[in-house]
Amino acid sequence: MELIKTQIPEVVILKPRVFDDARGYFFESYSQRDLNQLMQRDIQFVQDNESRSARGVMRGLHFQRPPFTQAKLVRCVEGAVLDVAVDIRRGSPTYGHHVAVELTADNHLQFFVPRGFAHGFAVLSETALFQYKCDNYYAPQADGGISLLDPALGIDWRIDPSTAILSEKDTRHPLLEDFESPFIYGEF
């Protein structure tokens, strides 16, 4: 597995070694030992989640408030998504900045979204099957989010946001400038 750094040091892309032959392919999609060695820290995932969405669906930008904060390791196992992590840690030199990566069933890339980041994605293919691991259990009372339609974030979602399919909840998240972040840089 190869670790690819991004412009935000805590957010990384993981590229597995894929073995192709006439039968198809094989790769190790997850190794606790290898991940911890690459990340140089101990990350213990406790919950796996999966969603299926159609083209034009946008989900996010979500997070869990402390003490239920989650780091995520995400991947797209069918189709393609544009996956985004936004730094929402008060005092961070990259506060309000984002990293976007296209995750596809063909490129096998995985995206590590640390605690203190809002996370979301847009579906670029006809359908997408999206899976992610979390290092803390889901707690509905800790749900939070910022608006994925906030122009100040400068995210090119690669789909037309005016025709995107969003949940009602996702249309009510505040803009970054109106948001009081529960995260402080250096806490996680």
Protein backbone atom coordinates (compact mmCIF):
# COMPACT_ATOMS: atom_id res chain seq x y z
CA MET A 1 0.00 0.00 0.00
CA GLU A 2 1.24 3.48 -0.88
CA LEU A 3 0.45 6.62 1.10
CA ILE A 4 -0.13 9.72 -1.07
CA LYS A 5 0.11 13.05 0.74
CA THR A 6 -2.28 15.92 -0.01
CA GLN A 7 -2.09 19.67 0.56
CA ILE A 8 -3.55 19.09 4.05
CA PRO A 9 -1.02 16.87 5.87
CA GLU A 10 -3.56 14.91 7.95
CA VAL A 11 -5.68 14.00 4.91
CA VAL A 12 -4.13 11.23 2.83
CA ILE A 13 -4.94 8.96 -0.09
CA LEU A 14 -4.10 5.26 0.10
CA LYS A 15 -3.26 3.35 -3.05
CA PRO A 16 -3.27 -0.44 -2.69
CA ARG A 17 -1.10 -2.83 -4.65
CA VAL A 18 -3.41 -4.38 -7.23
CA PHE A 19 -2.53 -7.69 -8.86
CA ASP A 20 -4.19 -8.06 -12.30
CA ASP A 21 -4.23 -11.13 -14.48
CA ALA A 22 -6.53 -12.92 -16.94
CA ARG A 23 -8.93 -13.84 -14.10
CA GLY A 24 -9.42 -10.26 -12.92
CA TYR A 25 -7.69 -8.60 -9.99
CA PHE A 26 -6.86 -9.04 -6.32
CA PHE A 27 -5.84 -6.50 -3.71
CA GLU A 28 -5.74 -6.24 0.05
CA SER A 29 -8.36 -3.59 0.79
CA TYR A 30 -7.51 -3.20 4.47
CA SER A 31 -4.76 -4.12 6.90
CA GLN A 32 -4.83 -2.63 10.39
CA ARG A 33 -1.10 -3.25 10.76
CA ASP A 34 -0.15 -1.64 7.43
CA LEU A 35 -2.45 1.35 7.94
CA ASN A 36 -1.07 2.09 11.39
CA GLN A 37 2.50 1.74 10.12
CA LEU A 38 1.85 4.09 7.18
CA MET A 39 -0.05 6.63 9.29
CA GLN A 40 2.46 6.33 12.17
CA ARG A 41 -0.37 6.18 14.69
CA ASP A 42 -2.83 3.68 16.10
CA ILE A 43 -6.23 3.85 14.40
CA GLN A 44 -8.86 1.30 15.42
CA PHE A 45 -11.94 1.13 13.21
CA VAL A 46 -15.12 -0.09 14.91
CA GLN A 47 -17.89 0.33 12.34
CA ASP A 48 -18.32 -0.24 8.58
CA ASN A 49 -20.97 1.65 6.60
CA GLU A 50 -22.21 1.43 3.02
CA SER A 51 -24.43 3.57 0.80
CA ARG A 52 -25.72 3.22 -2.75
CA SER A 53 -26.59 6.39 -4.63
CA ALA A 54 -27.58 7.49 -8.13
CA ARG A 55 -25.87 10.02 -10.41
CA GLY A 56 -26.24 13.55 -9.12
CA VAL A 57 -26.62 12.64 -5.45
CA MET A 58 -24.57 14.79 -3.09
CA ARG A 59 -24.10 13.72 0.53
CA GLY A 60 -22.50 15.83 3.25
CA LEU A 61 -20.64 17.71 4.44
CA HIS A 62 -21.07 15.69 7.64
CA PHE A 63 -19.22 15.16 10.92
CA GLN A 64 -19.89 13.87 14.43
CA ARG A 65 -19.48 16.29 17.34
CA PRO A 66 -17.20 15.38 20.27
CA PRO A 67 -17.05 13.04 22.06
CA PHE A 68 -18.40 10.99 19.16
CA THR A 69 -15.97 12.39 16.58
CA GLN A 70 -15.04 9.99 13.79
CA ALA A 71 -12.12 9.45 11.45
CA LYS A 72 -13.11 7.63 8.25
CA LEU A 73 -11.41 5.48 5.65
CA VAL A 74 -13.60 5.67 2.54
CA ARG A 75 -13.68 3.98 -0.87
CA CYS A 76 -15.95 3.52 -3.85
CA VAL A 77 -16.43 -0.14 -4.80
CA GLU A 78 -18.81 0.45 -7.73
CA GLY A 79 -18.99 3.50 -9.96
CA ALA A 80 -17.30 6.84 -9.22
CA VAL A 81 -17.59 9.63 -6.67
CA LEU A 82 -15.86 12.90 -5.98
CA ASP A 83 -14.98 12.66 -2.30
CA VAL A 84 -14.23 15.77 -0.25
CA ALA A 85 -12.81 16.52 3.21
CA VAL A 86 -13.02 20.07 4.61
CA ASP A 87 -10.85 21.18 7.53
CA ILE A 88 -13.14 22.57 10.25
CA ARG A 89 -10.61 22.67 13.11
CA ARG A 90 -10.54 26.14 14.70
CA GLY A 91 -7.00 27.53 14.64
CA SER A 92 -5.84 25.23 11.85
CA PRO A 93 -3.63 26.82 9.17
CA THR A 94 -5.85 25.04 6.61
CA TYR A 95 -9.23 25.90 8.22
CA GLY A 96 -11.92 26.00 5.53
CA HIS A 97 -9.64 24.37 2.94
CA HIS A 98 -10.58 21.10 1.30
CA VAL A 99 -9.10 18.10 -0.43
CA ALA A 100 -11.06 16.43 -3.23
CA VAL A 101 -10.25 13.10 -4.84
CA GLU A 102 -12.06 10.96 -7.39
CA LEU A 103 -12.63 7.49 -5.98
CA THR A 104 -13.65 4.79 -8.44
CA ALA A 105 -14.13 1.06 -8.55
CA ASP A 106 -11.30 0.98 -11.09
CA ASN A 107 -8.67 3.10 -9.32
CA HIS A 108 -9.20 1.36 -5.92
CA LEU A 109 -8.06 4.48 -4.07
CA GLN A 110 -9.03 5.01 -0.45
CA PHE A 111 -9.32 8.37 1.26
CA PHE A 112 -8.51 8.96 4.94
CA VAL A 113 -10.68 11.69 6.51
CA PRO A 114 -9.37 12.56 9.99
CA ARG A 115 -11.33 13.71 13.00
CA GLY A 116 -12.09 17.42 12.81
CA PHE A 117 -13.01 17.36 9.12
CA ALA A 118 -16.40 17.57 7.43
CA HIS A 119 -16.88 14.88 4.78
CA GLY A 120 -19.07 14.53 1.72
CA PHE A 121 -19.25 13.21 -1.82
CA ALA A 122 -20.97 13.64 -5.17
CA VAL A 123 -21.88 10.69 -7.40
CA LEU A 124 -20.34 10.99 -10.87
CA SER A 125 -21.46 7.64 -12.36
CA GLU A 126 -24.93 6.17 -13.00
CA THR A 127 -24.78 4.59 -9.54
CA ALA A 128 -22.12 4.32 -6.88
CA LEU A 129 -21.58 1.93 -4.03
CA PHE A 130 -19.63 3.71 -1.30
CA GLN A 131 -18.08 2.06 1.76
CA TYR A 132 -16.33 3.50 4.76
CA LYS A 133 -14.84 2.52 8.06
CA CYS A 134 -15.24 4.71 11.17
CA ASP A 135 -13.11 4.78 14.30
CA ASN A 136 -16.08 5.63 16.52
CA TYR A 137 -19.67 4.44 16.60
CA TYR A 138 -22.39 6.53 14.98
CA ALA A 139 -24.30 8.71 17.43
CA PRO A 140 -27.34 10.46 15.87
CA GLN A 141 -27.41 13.10 18.63
CA ALA A 142 -23.89 14.18 17.56
CA ASP A 143 -24.70 14.76 13.87
CA GLY A 144 -23.39 17.98 12.40
CA GLY A 145 -22.63 19.48 9.03
CA ILE A 146 -21.72 22.47 6.94
CA SER A 147 -23.31 23.39 3.64
CA LEU A 148 -21.86 21.52 0.69
CA LEU A 149 -23.28 24.28 -1.50
CA ASP A 150 -21.26 27.03 0.24
CA PRO A 151 -19.50 28.94 -2.58
CA ALA A 152 -16.85 30.16 -0.12
CA LEU A 153 -15.50 26.59 0.08
CA GLY A 154 -14.61 26.68 -3.63
CA ILE A 155 -15.44 23.01 -4.22
CA ASP A 156 -15.90 21.98 -7.85
CA TRP A 157 -18.28 19.07 -7.32
CA ARG A 158 -18.15 18.20 -11.05
CA ILE A 159 -21.95 18.04 -11.13
CA ASP A 160 -24.44 20.90 -11.28
CA PRO A 161 -25.36 21.69 -7.66
CA SER A 162 -28.62 23.32 -8.79
CA THR A 163 -29.87 19.94 -10.05
CA ALA A 164 -28.17 17.77 -7.44
CA ILE A 165 -30.19 15.41 -5.27
CA LEU A 166 -29.75 16.29 -1.58
CA SER A 167 -31.46 15.17 1.59
CA GLU A 168 -33.57 17.77 3.36
CA LYS A 169 -31.11 17.66 6.26
CA ASP A 170 -28.19 18.50 3.95
CA THR A 171 -29.99 21.60 2.64
CA ARG A 172 -30.19 23.02 6.19
CA HIS A 173 -26.50 22.93 7.15
CA PRO A 174 -24.95 26.38 7.82
CA LEU A 175 -22.40 28.14 5.66
CA LEU A 176 -18.84 27.98 6.97
CA GLU A 177 -18.93 31.67 7.99
CA ASP A 178 -22.01 31.01 10.16
CA PHE A 179 -20.64 27.82 11.66
CA GLU A 180 -19.32 27.43 15.22
CA SER A 181 -16.89 24.52 15.00
CA PRO A 182 -16.65 22.12 17.96
CA PHE A 183 -13.12 21.13 16.85
CA ILE A 184 -9.84 22.74 17.86
CA TYR A 185 -6.61 22.27 15.91
CA GLY A 186 -4.22 19.91 17.70
CA GLU A 187 -6.85 18.12 19.80
CA PHE A 188 -6.95 14.91 17.75
